[in-house]
Amino acid sequence: IEIDSVQVIDHAEVPINPIKPNKTLNLAIAGVLGIMLGVFLVF
């Protein structure tokens, strides 16, 4: 593009915590789906 105006503000650093999987969210979704499936099986 012949533009020399891009500058790095923050260099990447080694992350400590993973972004995936979201264990808490997964357990919550599984719990809700489990209740829904259980109610469906009862009916």
PDB file of all heavy atoms in Angstrom:
ATOM      1  N   ILE A   1       0.827  -1.208   0.000  1.00  0.00           N
ATOM      2  CA  ILE A   1       0.000   0.000   0.000  1.00  0.00           C
ATOM      3  C   ILE A   1       0.864   1.263   0.000  1.00  0.00           C
ATOM      4  O   ILE A   1       0.398   2.349  -0.276  1.00  0.00           O
ATOM      5  CB  ILE A   1      -0.933  -0.001   1.232  1.00  0.00           C
ATOM      6  CG1 ILE A   1      -1.701  -1.327   1.330  1.00  0.00           C
ATOM      7  CG2 ILE A   1      -1.939   1.132   1.186  1.00  0.00           C
ATOM      8  CD1 ILE A   1      -2.615  -1.414   2.533  1.00  0.00           C
ATOM      9  N   GLU A   2       2.161   1.070   0.285  1.00  0.00           N
ATOM     10  CA  GLU A   2       3.119   2.167   0.333  1.00  0.00           C
ATOM     11  C   GLU A   2       2.744   3.179   1.410  1.00  0.00           C
ATOM     12  O   GLU A   2       2.780   4.393   1.202  1.00  0.00           O
ATOM     13  CB  GLU A   2       3.241   2.850  -1.035  1.00  0.00           C
ATOM     14  CG  GLU A   2       3.766   1.921  -2.114  1.00  0.00           C
ATOM     15  CD  GLU A   2       3.940   2.641  -3.448  1.00  0.00           C
ATOM     16  OE1 GLU A   2       3.476   3.816  -3.548  1.00  0.00           O
ATOM     17  OE2 GLU A   2       4.519   2.062  -4.359  1.00  0.00           O
ATOM     18  N   ILE A   3       2.302   2.650   2.529  1.00  0.00           N
ATOM     19  CA  ILE A   3       1.977   3.504   3.673  1.00  0.00           C
ATOM     20  C   ILE A   3       2.785   3.006   4.859  1.00  0.00           C
ATOM     21  O   ILE A   3       2.705   1.834   5.238  1.00  0.00           O
ATOM     22  CB  ILE A   3       0.480   3.456   3.991  1.00  0.00           C
ATOM     23  CG1 ILE A   3      -0.318   4.073   2.836  1.00  0.00           C
ATOM     24  CG2 ILE A   3       0.172   4.175   5.299  1.00  0.00           C
ATOM     25  CD1 ILE A   3      -1.804   4.054   3.043  1.00  0.00           C
ATOM     26  N   ASP A   4       3.560   3.904   5.431  1.00  0.00           N
ATOM     27  CA  ASP A   4       4.425   3.532   6.539  1.00  0.00           C
ATOM     28  C   ASP A   4       3.934   4.220   7.815  1.00  0.00           C
ATOM     29  O   ASP A   4       4.627   5.047   8.407  1.00  0.00           O
ATOM     30  CB  ASP A   4       5.869   3.935   6.234  1.00  0.00           C
ATOM     31  CG  ASP A   4       6.842   3.349   7.240  1.00  0.00           C
ATOM     32  OD1 ASP A   4       6.408   2.446   7.999  1.00  0.00           O
ATOM     33  OD2 ASP A   4       7.974   3.818   7.295  1.00  0.00           O
ATOM     34  N   SER A   5       2.667   3.884   8.182  1.00  0.00           N
ATOM     35  CA  SER A   5       2.075   4.570   9.336  1.00  0.00           C
ATOM     36  C   SER A   5       1.530   3.610  10.368  1.00  0.00           C
ATOM     37  O   SER A   5       0.798   4.013  11.265  1.00  0.00           O
ATOM     38  CB  SER A   5       0.939   5.492   8.866  1.00  0.00           C
ATOM     39  OG  SER A   5      -0.075   4.740   8.217  1.00  0.00           O
ATOM     40  N   VAL A   6       1.809   2.307  10.257  1.00  0.00           N
ATOM     41  CA  VAL A   6       1.310   1.317  11.197  1.00  0.00           C
ATOM     42  C   VAL A   6       2.344   1.108  12.295  1.00  0.00           C
ATOM     43  O   VAL A   6       3.520   0.832  12.010  1.00  0.00           O
ATOM     44  CB  VAL A   6       0.999  -0.014  10.504  1.00  0.00           C
ATOM     45  CG1 VAL A   6       0.428  -1.016  11.507  1.00  0.00           C
ATOM     46  CG2 VAL A   6       0.046   0.200   9.349  1.00  0.00           C
ATOM     47  N   GLN A   7       1.912   1.239  13.546  1.00  0.00           N
ATOM     48  CA  GLN A   7       2.816   1.089  14.673  1.00  0.00           C
ATOM     49  C   GLN A   7       2.240   0.111  15.689  1.00  0.00           C
ATOM     50  O   GLN A   7       1.018   0.059  15.882  1.00  0.00           O
ATOM     51  CB  GLN A   7       3.037   2.439  15.369  1.00  0.00           C
ATOM     52  CG  GLN A   7       3.611   3.507  14.463  1.00  0.00           C
ATOM     53  CD  GLN A   7       3.764   4.828  15.169  1.00  0.00           C
ATOM     54  OE1 GLN A   7       3.659   4.878  16.395  1.00  0.00           O
ATOM     55  NE2 GLN A   7       4.022   5.881  14.412  1.00  0.00           N
ATOM     56  N   VAL A   8       3.130  -0.628  16.299  1.00  0.00           N
ATOM     57  CA  VAL A   8       2.722  -1.576  17.344  1.00  0.00           C
ATOM     58  C   VAL A   8       2.591  -0.826  18.658  1.00  0.00           C
ATOM     59  O   VAL A   8       3.529  -0.160  19.105  1.00  0.00           O
ATOM     60  CB  VAL A   8       3.729  -2.724  17.483  1.00  0.00           C
ATOM     61  CG1 VAL A   8       3.339  -3.632  18.645  1.00  0.00           C
ATOM     62  CG2 VAL A   8       3.830  -3.507  16.190  1.00  0.00           C
ATOM     63  N   ILE A   9       1.413  -0.924  19.277  1.00  0.00           N
ATOM     64  CA  ILE A   9       1.170  -0.268  20.556  1.00  0.00           C
ATOM     65  C   ILE A   9       1.508  -1.219  21.705  1.00  0.00           C
ATOM     66  O   ILE A   9       2.254  -0.866  22.622  1.00  0.00           O
ATOM     67  CB  ILE A   9      -0.299   0.178  20.676  1.00  0.00           C
ATOM     68  CG1 ILE A   9      -0.665   1.106  19.532  1.00  0.00           C
ATOM     69  CG2 ILE A   9      -0.551   0.850  22.013  1.00  0.00           C
ATOM     70  CD1 ILE A   9       0.145   2.366  19.471  1.00  0.00           C
ATOM     71  N   ASP A  10       0.982  -2.428  21.639  1.00  0.00           N
ATOM     72  CA  ASP A  10       1.255  -3.450  22.655  1.00  0.00           C
ATOM     73  C   ASP A  10       1.700  -4.729  21.969  1.00  0.00           C
ATOM     74  O   ASP A  10       0.974  -5.263  21.110  1.00  0.00           O
ATOM     75  CB  ASP A  10       0.000  -3.738  23.493  1.00  0.00           C
ATOM     76  CG  ASP A  10      -0.370  -2.587  24.403  1.00  0.00           C
ATOM     77  OD1 ASP A  10       0.534  -1.964  24.955  1.00  0.00           O
ATOM     78  OD2 ASP A  10      -1.592  -2.329  24.555  1.00  0.00           O
ATOM     79  N   HIS A  11       2.875  -5.183  22.338  1.00  0.00           N
ATOM     80  CA  HIS A  11       3.333  -6.464  21.813  1.00  0.00           C
ATOM     81  C   HIS A  11       2.575  -7.603  22.501  1.00  0.00           C
ATOM     82  O   HIS A  11       2.127  -7.471  23.645  1.00  0.00           O
ATOM     83  CB  HIS A  11       4.840  -6.621  22.032  1.00  0.00           C
ATOM     84  CG  HIS A  11       5.646  -5.715  21.179  1.00  0.00           C
ATOM     85  ND1 HIS A  11       5.912  -5.963  19.849  1.00  0.00           N
ATOM     86  CD2 HIS A  11       6.256  -4.518  21.475  1.00  0.00           C
ATOM     87  CE1 HIS A  11       6.643  -4.992  19.353  1.00  0.00           C
ATOM     88  NE2 HIS A  11       6.873  -4.091  20.318  1.00  0.00           N
ATOM     89  N   ALA A  12       2.440  -8.713  21.801  1.00  0.00           N
ATOM     90  CA  ALA A  12       1.754  -9.877  22.367  1.00  0.00           C
ATOM     91  C   ALA A  12       2.557 -10.454  23.520  1.00  0.00           C
ATOM     92  O   ALA A  12       3.792 -10.527  23.449  1.00  0.00           O
ATOM     93  CB  ALA A  12       1.540 -10.925  21.292  1.00  0.00           C
ATOM     94  N   GLU A  13       1.855 -10.845  24.544  1.00  0.00           N
ATOM     95  CA  GLU A  13       2.471 -11.474  25.708  1.00  0.00           C
ATOM     96  C   GLU A  13       1.919 -12.883  25.896  1.00  0.00           C
ATOM     97  O   GLU A  13       0.816 -13.205  25.427  1.00  0.00           O
ATOM     98  CB  GLU A  13       2.195 -10.639  26.968  1.00  0.00           C
ATOM     99  CG  GLU A  13       2.826  -9.258  26.923  1.00  0.00           C
ATOM    100  CD  GLU A  13       2.565  -8.467  28.198  1.00  0.00           C
ATOM    101  OE1 GLU A  13       1.767  -8.963  29.037  1.00  0.00           O
ATOM    102  OE2 GLU A  13       3.151  -7.383  28.356  1.00  0.00           O
ATOM    103  N   VAL A  14       2.681 -13.708  26.594  1.00  0.00           N
ATOM    104  CA  VAL A  14       2.274 -15.100  26.791  1.00  0.00           C
ATOM    105  C   VAL A  14       1.026 -15.143  27.674  1.00  0.00           C
ATOM    106  O   VAL A  14       1.063 -14.648  28.815  1.00  0.00           O
ATOM    107  CB  VAL A  14       3.406 -15.920  27.438  1.00  0.00           C
ATOM    108  CG1 VAL A  14       2.951 -17.362  27.661  1.00  0.00           C
ATOM    109  CG2 VAL A  14       4.652 -15.870  26.560  1.00  0.00           C
ATOM    110  N   PRO A  15      -0.089 -15.665  27.178  1.00  0.00           N
ATOM    111  CA  PRO A  15      -1.321 -15.730  27.986  1.00  0.00           C
ATOM    112  C   PRO A  15      -1.207 -16.772  29.093  1.00  0.00           C
ATOM    113  O   PRO A  15      -0.511 -17.778  28.957  1.00  0.00           O
ATOM    114  CB  PRO A  15      -2.394 -16.122  26.968  1.00  0.00           C
ATOM    115  CG  PRO A  15      -1.654 -16.876  25.918  1.00  0.00           C
ATOM    116  CD  PRO A  15      -0.291 -16.237  25.833  1.00  0.00           C
ATOM    117  N   ILE A  16      -1.891 -16.484  30.197  1.00  0.00           N
ATOM    118  CA  ILE A  16      -1.873 -17.413  31.336  1.00  0.00           C
ATOM    119  C   ILE A  16      -3.093 -18.336  31.333  1.00  0.00           C
ATOM    120  O   ILE A  16      -2.977 -19.544  31.536  1.00  0.00           O
ATOM    121  CB  ILE A  16      -1.817 -16.620  32.660  1.00  0.00           C
ATOM    122  CG1 ILE A  16      -0.538 -15.779  32.698  1.00  0.00           C
ATOM    123  CG2 ILE A  16      -1.880 -17.576  33.861  1.00  0.00           C
ATOM    124  CD1 ILE A  16      -0.450 -14.893  33.925  1.00  0.00           C
ATOM    125  N   ASN A  17      -4.251 -17.750  31.084  1.00  0.00           N
ATOM    126  CA  ASN A  17      -5.504 -18.515  31.123  1.00  0.00           C
ATOM    127  C   ASN A  17      -6.007 -18.798  29.706  1.00  0.00           C
ATOM    128  O   ASN A  17      -5.975 -17.922  28.834  1.00  0.00           O
ATOM    129  CB  ASN A  17      -6.584 -17.757  31.893  1.00  0.00           C
ATOM    130  CG  ASN A  17      -6.180 -17.498  33.332  1.00  0.00           C
ATOM    131  OD1 ASN A  17      -5.640 -18.381  33.996  1.00  0.00           O
ATOM    132  ND2 ASN A  17      -6.441 -16.282  33.817  1.00  0.00           N
ATOM    133  N   PRO A  18      -6.486 -20.013  29.484  1.00  0.00           N
ATOM    134  CA  PRO A  18      -7.026 -20.338  28.151  1.00  0.00           C
ATOM    135  C   PRO A  18      -8.377 -19.664  27.924  1.00  0.00           C
ATOM    136  O   PRO A  18      -9.106 -19.361  28.867  1.00  0.00           O
ATOM    137  CB  PRO A  18      -7.172 -21.861  28.201  1.00  0.00           C
ATOM    138  CG  PRO A  18      -7.364 -22.178  29.644  1.00  0.00           C
ATOM    139  CD  PRO A  18      -6.559 -21.170  30.401  1.00  0.00           C
ATOM    140  N   ILE A  19      -8.691 -19.410  26.664  1.00  0.00           N
ATOM    141  CA  ILE A  19     -10.004 -18.850  26.315  1.00  0.00           C
ATOM    142  C   ILE A  19     -11.008 -19.961  25.984  1.00  0.00           C
ATOM    143  O   ILE A  19     -12.219 -19.721  25.978  1.00  0.00           O
ATOM    144  CB  ILE A  19      -9.890 -17.900  25.107  1.00  0.00           C
ATOM    145  CG1 ILE A  19      -9.361 -18.664  23.872  1.00  0.00           C
ATOM    146  CG2 ILE A  19      -8.987 -16.720  25.434  1.00  0.00           C
ATOM    147  CD1 ILE A  19      -9.462 -17.865  22.584  1.00  0.00           C
ATOM    148  N   LYS A  20     -10.517 -21.135  25.702  1.00  0.00           N
ATOM    149  CA  LYS A  20     -11.368 -22.289  25.411  1.00  0.00           C
ATOM    150  C   LYS A  20     -10.775 -23.508  26.111  1.00  0.00           C
ATOM    151  O   LYS A  20      -9.553 -23.614  26.212  1.00  0.00           O
ATOM    152  CB  LYS A  20     -11.446 -22.561  23.901  1.00  0.00           C
ATOM    153  CG  LYS A  20     -12.040 -21.449  23.075  1.00  0.00           C
ATOM    154  CD  LYS A  20     -12.000 -21.816  21.593  1.00  0.00           C
ATOM    155  CE  LYS A  20     -12.498 -20.687  20.712  1.00  0.00           C
ATOM    156  NZ  LYS A  20     -12.406 -21.041  19.286  1.00  0.00           N
ATOM    157  N   PRO A  21     -11.580 -24.461  26.597  1.00  0.00           N
ATOM    158  CA  PRO A  21     -13.041 -24.333  26.694  1.00  0.00           C
ATOM    159  C   PRO A  21     -13.444 -23.490  27.911  1.00  0.00           C
ATOM    160  O   PRO A  21     -12.724 -23.439  28.902  1.00  0.00           O
ATOM    161  CB  PRO A  21     -13.491 -25.780  26.869  1.00  0.00           C
ATOM    162  CG  PRO A  21     -12.354 -26.432  27.595  1.00  0.00           C
ATOM    163  CD  PRO A  21     -11.102 -25.765  27.077  1.00  0.00           C
ATOM    164  N   ASN A  22     -14.618 -22.879  27.816  1.00  0.00           N
ATOM    165  CA  ASN A  22     -15.195 -22.155  28.953  1.00  0.00           C
ATOM    166  C   ASN A  22     -15.923 -23.183  29.809  1.00  0.00           C
ATOM    167  O   ASN A  22     -17.098 -23.490  29.583  1.00  0.00           O
ATOM    168  CB  ASN A  22     -16.158 -21.067  28.450  1.00  0.00           C
ATOM    169  CG  ASN A  22     -16.600 -20.149  29.565  1.00  0.00           C
ATOM    170  OD1 ASN A  22     -16.632 -20.550  30.736  1.00  0.00           O
ATOM    171  ND2 ASN A  22     -16.959 -18.924  29.212  1.00  0.00           N
ATOM    172  N   LYS A  23     -15.214 -23.696  30.796  1.00  0.00           N
ATOM    173  CA  LYS A  23     -15.730 -24.835  31.561  1.00  0.00           C
ATOM    174  C   LYS A  23     -17.004 -24.484  32.324  1.00  0.00           C
ATOM    175  O   LYS A  23     -17.957 -25.265  32.370  1.00  0.00           O
ATOM    176  CB  LYS A  23     -14.653 -25.341  32.521  1.00  0.00           C
ATOM    177  CG  LYS A  23     -13.391 -25.810  31.794  1.00  0.00           C
ATOM    178  CD  LYS A  23     -12.277 -26.152  32.767  1.00  0.00           C
ATOM    179  CE  LYS A  23     -11.007 -26.545  32.020  1.00  0.00           C
ATOM    180  NZ  LYS A  23      -9.887 -26.826  32.937  1.00  0.00           N
ATOM    181  N   THR A  24     -17.023 -23.306  32.912  1.00  0.00           N
ATOM    182  CA  THR A  24     -18.212 -22.902  33.679  1.00  0.00           C
ATOM    183  C   THR A  24     -19.427 -22.794  32.768  1.00  0.00           C
ATOM    184  O   THR A  24     -20.525 -23.267  33.096  1.00  0.00           O
ATOM    185  CB  THR A  24     -17.955 -21.557  34.376  1.00  0.00           C
ATOM    186  OG1 THR A  24     -16.819 -21.676  35.228  1.00  0.00           O
ATOM    187  CG2 THR A  24     -19.169 -21.144  35.198  1.00  0.00           C
ATOM    188  N   LEU A  25     -19.227 -22.154  31.615  1.00  0.00           N
ATOM    189  CA  LEU A  25     -20.332 -22.014  30.662  1.00  0.00           C
ATOM    190  C   LEU A  25     -20.785 -23.370  30.145  1.00  0.00           C
ATOM    191  O   LEU A  25     -21.994 -23.624  30.008  1.00  0.00           O
ATOM    192  CB  LEU A  25     -19.909 -21.118  29.501  1.00  0.00           C
ATOM    193  CG  LEU A  25     -20.966 -20.865  28.425  1.00  0.00           C
ATOM    194  CD1 LEU A  25     -22.179 -20.167  29.023  1.00  0.00           C
ATOM    195  CD2 LEU A  25     -20.379 -20.053  27.277  1.00  0.00           C
ATOM    196  N   ASN A  26     -19.835 -24.242  29.855  1.00  0.00           N
ATOM    197  CA  ASN A  26     -20.190 -25.577  29.370  1.00  0.00           C
ATOM    198  C   ASN A  26     -21.017 -26.350  30.392  1.00  0.00           C
ATOM    199  O   ASN A  26     -21.998 -27.017  30.050  1.00  0.00           O
ATOM    200  CB  ASN A  26     -18.934 -26.365  29.029  1.00  0.00           C
ATOM    201  CG  ASN A  26     -18.230 -25.826  27.793  1.00  0.00           C
ATOM    202  OD1 ASN A  26     -18.789 -24.991  27.070  1.00  0.00           O
ATOM    203  ND2 ASN A  26     -17.017 -26.280  27.547  1.00  0.00           N
ATOM    204  N   LEU A  27     -20.611 -26.266  31.670  1.00  0.00           N
ATOM    205  CA  LEU A  27     -21.357 -26.969  32.717  1.00  0.00           C
ATOM    206  C   LEU A  27     -22.759 -26.382  32.874  1.00  0.00           C
ATOM    207  O   LEU A  27     -23.736 -27.117  33.067  1.00  0.00           O
ATOM    208  CB  LEU A  27     -20.606 -26.879  34.041  1.00  0.00           C
ATOM    209  CG  LEU A  27     -19.275 -27.651  34.124  1.00  0.00           C
ATOM    210  CD1 LEU A  27     -18.616 -27.403  35.469  1.00  0.00           C
ATOM    211  CD2 LEU A  27     -19.499 -29.139  33.914  1.00  0.00           C
ATOM    212  N   ALA A  28     -22.863 -25.053  32.783  1.00  0.00           N
ATOM    213  CA  ALA A  28     -24.179 -24.413  32.914  1.00  0.00           C
ATOM    214  C   ALA A  28     -25.101 -24.816  31.764  1.00  0.00           C
ATOM    215  O   ALA A  28     -26.278 -25.145  31.978  1.00  0.00           O
ATOM    216  CB  ALA A  28     -24.012 -22.903  32.965  1.00  0.00           C
ATOM    217  N   ILE A  29     -24.568 -24.793  30.558  1.00  0.00           N
ATOM    218  CA  ILE A  29     -25.378 -25.183  29.394  1.00  0.00           C
ATOM    219  C   ILE A  29     -25.785 -26.645  29.497  1.00  0.00           C
ATOM    220  O   ILE A  29     -26.933 -27.001  29.223  1.00  0.00           O
ATOM    221  CB  ILE A  29     -24.594 -24.915  28.096  1.00  0.00           C
ATOM    222  CG1 ILE A  29     -24.398 -23.409  27.891  1.00  0.00           C
ATOM    223  CG2 ILE A  29     -25.324 -25.521  26.895  1.00  0.00           C
ATOM    224  CD1 ILE A  29     -23.542 -23.055  26.696  1.00  0.00           C
ATOM    225  N   ALA A  30     -24.840 -27.495  29.899  1.00  0.00           N
ATOM    226  CA  ALA A  30     -25.159 -28.919  30.042  1.00  0.00           C
ATOM    227  C   ALA A  30     -26.227 -29.132  31.100  1.00  0.00           C
ATOM    228  O   ALA A  30     -27.131 -29.965  30.937  1.00  0.00           O
ATOM    229  CB  ALA A  30     -23.899 -29.705  30.391  1.00  0.00           C
ATOM    230  N   GLY A  31     -26.140 -28.373  32.214  1.00  0.00           N
ATOM    231  CA  GLY A  31     -27.147 -28.507  33.263  1.00  0.00           C
ATOM    232  C   GLY A  31     -28.531 -28.112  32.781  1.00  0.00           C
ATOM    233  O   GLY A  31     -29.522 -28.808  33.038  1.00  0.00           O
ATOM    234  N   VAL A  32     -28.620 -26.988  32.073  1.00  0.00           N
ATOM    235  CA  VAL A  32     -29.919 -26.532  31.553  1.00  0.00           C
ATOM    236  C   VAL A  32     -30.473 -27.529  30.540  1.00  0.00           C
ATOM    237  O   VAL A  32     -31.660 -27.890  30.583  1.00  0.00           O
ATOM    238  CB  VAL A  32     -29.774 -25.131  30.923  1.00  0.00           C
ATOM    239  CG1 VAL A  32     -31.063 -24.731  30.220  1.00  0.00           C
ATOM    240  CG2 VAL A  32     -29.421 -24.104  31.988  1.00  0.00           C
ATOM    241  N   LEU A  33     -29.622 -27.974  29.631  1.00  0.00           N
ATOM    242  CA  LEU A  33     -30.072 -28.963  28.645  1.00  0.00           C
ATOM    243  C   LEU A  33     -30.467 -30.274  29.318  1.00  0.00           C
ATOM    244  O   LEU A  33     -31.416 -30.939  28.887  1.00  0.00           O
ATOM    245  CB  LEU A  33     -28.970 -29.208  27.616  1.00  0.00           C
ATOM    246  CG  LEU A  33     -28.641 -28.033  26.688  1.00  0.00           C
ATOM    247  CD1 LEU A  33     -27.497 -28.397  25.751  1.00  0.00           C
ATOM    248  CD2 LEU A  33     -29.866 -27.621  25.875  1.00  0.00           C
ATOM    249  N   GLY A  34     -29.741 -30.653  30.378  1.00  0.00           N
ATOM    250  CA  GLY A  34     -30.085 -31.877  31.100  1.00  0.00           C
ATOM    251  C   GLY A  34     -31.449 -31.785  31.746  1.00  0.00           C
ATOM    252  O   GLY A  34     -32.240 -32.737  31.697  1.00  0.00           O
ATOM    253  N   ILE A  35     -31.756 -30.634  32.354  1.00  0.00           N
ATOM    254  CA  ILE A  35     -33.068 -30.448  32.965  1.00  0.00           C
ATOM    255  C   ILE A  35     -34.159 -30.482  31.905  1.00  0.00           C
ATOM    256  O   ILE A  35     -35.202 -31.127  32.071  1.00  0.00           O
ATOM    257  CB  ILE A  35     -33.101 -29.126  33.747  1.00  0.00           C
ATOM    258  CG1 ILE A  35     -32.180 -29.214  34.970  1.00  0.00           C
ATOM    259  CG2 ILE A  35     -34.522 -28.788  34.181  1.00  0.00           C
ATOM    260  CD1 ILE A  35     -32.049 -27.919  35.733  1.00  0.00           C
ATOM    261  N   MET A  36     -33.928 -29.798  30.798  1.00  0.00           N
ATOM    262  CA  MET A  36     -34.923 -29.776  29.716  1.00  0.00           C
ATOM    263  C   MET A  36     -35.156 -31.181  29.159  1.00  0.00           C
ATOM    264  O   MET A  36     -36.306 -31.587  28.933  1.00  0.00           O
ATOM    265  CB  MET A  36     -34.467 -28.827  28.615  1.00  0.00           C
ATOM    266  CG  MET A  36     -34.416 -27.363  29.027  1.00  0.00           C
ATOM    267  SD  MET A  36     -33.718 -26.285  27.757  1.00  0.00           S
ATOM    268  CE  MET A  36     -34.883 -26.543  26.420  1.00  0.00           C
ATOM    269  N   LEU A  37     -34.063 -31.916  28.958  1.00  0.00           N
ATOM    270  CA  LEU A  37     -34.199 -33.276  28.436  1.00  0.00           C
ATOM    271  C   LEU A  37     -34.884 -34.176  29.450  1.00  0.00           C
ATOM    272  O   LEU A  37     -35.712 -35.027  29.085  1.00  0.00           O
ATOM    273  CB  LEU A  37     -32.813 -33.828  28.087  1.00  0.00           C
ATOM    274  CG  LEU A  37     -32.781 -35.266  27.540  1.00  0.00           C
ATOM    275  CD1 LEU A  37     -33.615 -35.366  26.265  1.00  0.00           C
ATOM    276  CD2 LEU A  37     -31.344 -35.703  27.268  1.00  0.00           C
ATOM    277  N   GLY A  38     -34.563 -33.993  30.741  1.00  0.00           N
ATOM    278  CA  GLY A  38     -35.207 -34.797  31.784  1.00  0.00           C
ATOM    279  C   GLY A  38     -36.703 -34.554  31.834  1.00  0.00           C
ATOM    280  O   GLY A  38     -37.488 -35.500  31.935  1.00  0.00           O
ATOM    281  N   VAL A  39     -37.105 -33.280  31.777  1.00  0.00           N
ATOM    282  CA  VAL A  39     -38.533 -32.952  31.774  1.00  0.00           C
ATOM    283  C   VAL A  39     -39.213 -33.540  30.532  1.00  0.00           C
ATOM    284  O   VAL A  39     -40.318 -34.087  30.607  1.00  0.00           O
ATOM    285  CB  VAL A  39     -38.730 -31.429  31.830  1.00  0.00           C
ATOM    286  CG1 VAL A  39     -40.190 -31.055  31.622  1.00  0.00           C
ATOM    287  CG2 VAL A  39     -38.236 -30.878  33.164  1.00  0.00           C
ATOM    288  N   PHE A  40     -38.528 -33.442  29.394  1.00  0.00           N
ATOM    289  CA  PHE A  40     -39.079 -34.019  28.160  1.00  0.00           C
ATOM    290  C   PHE A  40     -39.263 -35.529  28.300  1.00  0.00           C
ATOM    291  O   PHE A  40     -40.288 -36.085  27.876  1.00  0.00           O
ATOM    292  CB  PHE A  40     -38.159 -33.702  26.987  1.00  0.00           C
ATOM    293  CG  PHE A  40     -38.531 -34.418  25.716  1.00  0.00           C
ATOM    294  CD1 PHE A  40     -39.602 -33.994  24.946  1.00  0.00           C
ATOM    295  CD2 PHE A  40     -37.807 -35.526  25.296  1.00  0.00           C
ATOM    296  CE1 PHE A  40     -39.953 -34.669  23.786  1.00  0.00           C
ATOM    297  CE2 PHE A  40     -38.141 -36.201  24.128  1.00  0.00           C
ATOM    298  CZ  PHE A  40     -39.219 -35.765  23.373  1.00  0.00           C
ATOM    299  N   LEU A  41     -38.282 -36.204  28.894  1.00  0.00           N
ATOM    300  CA  LEU A  41     -38.392 -37.658  29.068  1.00  0.00           C
ATOM    301  C   LEU A  41     -39.537 -38.020  30.016  1.00  0.00           C
ATOM    302  O   LEU A  41     -40.238 -39.016  29.794  1.00  0.00           O
ATOM    303  CB  LEU A  41     -37.077 -38.219  29.614  1.00  0.00           C
ATOM    304  CG  LEU A  41     -35.915 -38.282  28.636  1.00  0.00           C
ATOM    305  CD1 LEU A  41     -34.657 -38.793  29.334  1.00  0.00           C
ATOM    306  CD2 LEU A  41     -36.248 -39.177  27.440  1.00  0.00           C
ATOM    307  N   VAL A  42     -39.752 -37.199  31.058  1.00  0.00           N
ATOM    308  CA  VAL A  42     -40.860 -37.458  31.977  1.00  0.00           C
ATOM    309  C   VAL A  42     -42.190 -37.397  31.232  1.00  0.00           C
ATOM    310  O   VAL A  42     -43.035 -38.282  31.351  1.00  0.00           O
ATOM    311  CB  VAL A  42     -40.840 -36.437  33.135  1.00  0.00           C
ATOM    312  CG1 VAL A  42     -42.154 -36.510  33.922  1.00  0.00           C
ATOM    313  CG2 VAL A  42     -39.671 -36.721  34.055  1.00  0.00           C
ATOM    314  N   PHE A  43     -42.365 -36.339  30.430  1.00  0.00           N
ATOM    315  CA  PHE A  43     -43.611 -36.201  29.683  1.00  0.00           C
ATOM    316  C   PHE A  43     -43.729 -37.277  28.597  1.00  0.00           C
ATOM    317  O   PHE A  43     -44.823 -37.748  28.296  1.00  0.00           O
ATOM    318  CB  PHE A  43     -43.703 -34.812  29.062  1.00  0.00           C
ATOM    319  CG  PHE A  43     -43.872 -33.714  30.070  1.00  0.00           C
ATOM    320  CD1 PHE A  43     -43.318 -32.470  29.883  1.00  0.00           C
ATOM    321  CD2 PHE A  43     -44.571 -33.945  31.246  1.00  0.00           C
ATOM    322  CE1 PHE A  43     -43.470 -31.467  30.818  1.00  0.00           C
ATOM    323  CE2 PHE A  43     -44.728 -32.949  32.199  1.00  0.00           C
ATOM    324  CZ  PHE A  43     -44.174 -31.711  31.975  1.00  0.00           C
TER     325      PHE A  43
END
